[in-house]
Amino acid sequence: VSPVPILKVMRLQAPDLSSPCSGSLGTPALPSPSLSLPDSFGVIHIGETFTAYLGILNPSSSHFISHLSVVAQLQTPSRKFTLPSRLDDSNSTTTDGDGGVTLAPLQDINAIVSKSLEEVGQHSLRVEVLYAPNSRTL
């Protein structure tokens, strides 16, 4: 059985230490060793940059995943933008001849995508993970 990669997508943003903490009745948050995650992606304004982290994991303990590539698109009310990403090869991934990468068993790879927002309205992030089954095992 060929493994199916697992995809994680997270919006990256700087923490806002001046906003009220949940249940604090509007008192400003004090710097502390722990930060809480926002309840939603929040609001982003024209001119700001949307940045997201994409993580792909090979969950198999014995099978490789080959020809892996990631395509991320930001959909605005009127256009689609393909977001270029450079897959992070710091985890000793190997590059396939066709530009994809091969993930060893239990290995992950990361990418960061970003786009300056130039249009008002709802934006959607679409991420595709393309790969080929690989019969190679450990």
Protein backbone atom coordinates (compact mmCIF):
# COMPACT_ATOMS: atom_id res chain seq x y z
CA VAL A 1 0.00 0.00 0.00
CA SER A 2 1.42 3.36 -1.06
CA PRO A 3 1.47 6.12 1.59
CA VAL A 4 -0.59 9.31 1.24
CA PRO A 5 1.22 12.50 2.35
CA ILE A 6 -0.21 14.53 5.23
CA LEU A 7 -0.53 18.31 4.67
CA LYS A 8 -0.45 20.99 7.40
CA VAL A 9 -1.32 24.62 6.58
CA MET A 10 -0.88 27.50 9.04
CA ARG A 11 -1.05 31.26 8.62
CA LEU A 12 2.09 32.97 9.90
CA GLN A 13 1.71 36.30 11.64
CA ALA A 14 3.45 38.23 14.37
CA PRO A 15 1.78 37.96 17.78
CA ASP A 16 -0.16 41.01 18.90
CA LEU A 17 0.79 41.62 22.51
CA SER A 18 -1.49 44.67 22.85
CA SER A 19 -4.78 42.85 22.27
CA PRO A 20 -6.90 41.66 25.21
CA CYS A 21 -6.57 38.06 26.32
CA SER A 22 -9.64 35.85 26.35
CA GLY A 23 -11.62 36.48 29.53
CA SER A 24 -9.55 39.50 30.56
CA LEU A 25 -12.31 42.15 30.22
CA GLY A 26 -10.25 44.36 27.93
CA THR A 27 -7.08 44.66 29.98
CA PRO A 28 -3.95 44.64 27.81
CA ALA A 29 -1.99 41.42 27.59
CA LEU A 30 1.29 41.38 29.46
CA PRO A 31 4.38 39.78 27.91
CA SER A 32 4.74 36.25 29.23
CA PRO A 33 6.59 33.05 28.32
CA SER A 34 3.43 31.63 26.73
CA LEU A 35 1.42 32.94 23.78
CA SER A 36 -2.06 31.81 22.78
CA LEU A 37 -3.14 31.10 19.23
CA PRO A 38 -5.84 33.27 17.64
CA ASP A 39 -9.38 31.89 17.30
CA SER A 40 -9.39 32.50 13.51
CA PHE A 41 -7.12 33.66 10.71
CA GLY A 42 -8.14 37.18 11.65
CA VAL A 43 -8.27 40.30 9.53
CA ILE A 44 -5.61 41.31 7.05
CA HIS A 45 -5.59 44.65 5.26
CA ILE A 46 -4.68 45.79 1.75
CA GLY A 47 -0.93 46.29 1.52
CA GLU A 48 -0.16 43.70 4.19
CA THR A 49 1.47 40.42 3.25
CA PHE A 50 -0.34 37.11 3.73
CA THR A 51 2.18 34.41 4.69
CA ALA A 52 1.48 30.71 5.27
CA TYR A 53 3.50 27.68 6.32
CA LEU A 54 2.94 24.43 4.42
CA GLY A 55 4.23 21.19 5.93
CA ILE A 56 4.09 17.81 4.17
CA LEU A 57 4.79 14.55 6.03
CA ASN A 58 5.35 11.03 4.74
CA PRO A 59 3.51 9.02 7.44
CA SER A 60 4.79 5.63 6.26
CA SER A 61 7.48 3.91 8.30
CA SER A 62 8.66 1.87 5.31
CA HIS A 63 7.63 3.44 1.94
CA PHE A 64 9.10 6.41 0.06
CA ILE A 65 7.00 9.14 -1.63
CA SER A 66 8.45 10.39 -4.93
CA HIS A 67 7.86 13.23 -7.41
CA LEU A 68 6.37 15.34 -4.59
CA SER A 69 5.52 18.94 -5.41
CA VAL A 70 3.27 21.59 -3.87
CA VAL A 71 1.14 24.15 -5.73
CA ALA A 72 -0.42 26.96 -3.68
CA GLN A 73 -2.89 29.47 -5.13
CA LEU A 74 -4.45 32.53 -3.54
CA GLN A 75 -7.96 33.17 -4.90
CA THR A 76 -9.18 36.77 -4.70
CA PRO A 77 -12.65 37.98 -5.73
CA SER A 78 -11.40 38.58 -9.29
CA ARG A 79 -8.13 36.64 -9.84
CA LYS A 80 -6.01 33.60 -8.94
CA PHE A 81 -2.35 33.95 -8.04
CA THR A 82 0.04 31.01 -7.99
CA LEU A 83 2.26 31.49 -4.94
CA PRO A 84 5.86 30.47 -5.58
CA SER A 85 7.41 28.37 -2.85
CA ARG A 86 10.82 26.94 -2.26
CA LEU A 87 10.55 23.57 -0.63
CA ASP A 88 12.84 23.44 2.37
CA ASP A 89 15.38 20.69 1.68
CA SER A 90 17.13 21.01 5.04
CA ASN A 91 15.73 17.61 6.05
CA SER A 92 18.01 15.83 3.53
CA THR A 93 15.32 15.27 0.90
CA THR A 94 16.51 14.26 -2.54
CA THR A 95 15.43 16.05 -5.69
CA ASP A 96 13.88 14.00 -8.48
CA GLY A 97 15.01 14.58 -12.06
CA ASP A 98 11.64 16.21 -12.85
CA GLY A 99 11.91 18.89 -10.16
CA GLY A 100 9.90 17.06 -7.51
CA VAL A 101 11.36 15.68 -4.30
CA THR A 102 11.47 12.25 -2.73
CA LEU A 103 10.50 11.88 0.92
CA ALA A 104 11.98 9.03 2.91
CA PRO A 105 9.76 7.20 5.42
CA LEU A 106 8.63 9.44 8.32
CA GLN A 107 10.32 12.47 6.72
CA ASP A 108 8.76 15.90 6.31
CA ILE A 109 9.34 18.93 4.12
CA ASN A 110 8.31 22.55 4.58
CA ALA A 111 7.46 25.51 2.37
CA ILE A 112 6.61 29.15 3.04
CA VAL A 113 4.33 31.05 0.65
CA SER A 114 3.42 34.73 0.74
CA LYS A 115 1.59 37.39 -1.26
CA SER A 116 1.01 41.09 -0.73
CA LEU A 117 -2.74 41.73 -0.71
CA GLU A 118 -3.94 44.27 -3.26
CA GLU A 119 -7.70 43.71 -3.36
CA VAL A 120 -10.64 44.05 -0.96
CA GLY A 121 -12.80 40.98 -0.30
CA GLN A 122 -12.62 37.38 0.73
CA HIS A 123 -9.43 35.50 -0.16
CA SER A 124 -9.02 31.70 -0.25
CA LEU A 125 -5.83 29.67 -0.13
CA ARG A 126 -5.85 26.51 -2.28
CA VAL A 127 -3.03 24.00 -1.81
CA GLU A 128 -2.41 20.91 -3.97
CA VAL A 129 0.10 18.21 -3.11
CA LEU A 130 1.14 16.20 -6.16
CA TYR A 131 3.06 12.93 -5.81
CA ALA A 132 3.61 9.53 -7.37
CA PRO A 133 3.31 6.17 -5.64
CA ASN A 134 6.69 4.60 -5.01
CA SER A 135 7.29 0.90 -4.50
CA ARG A 136 10.70 1.54 -2.93
CA THR A 137 10.84 0.52 0.75
CA LEU A 138 13.41 0.49 3.52
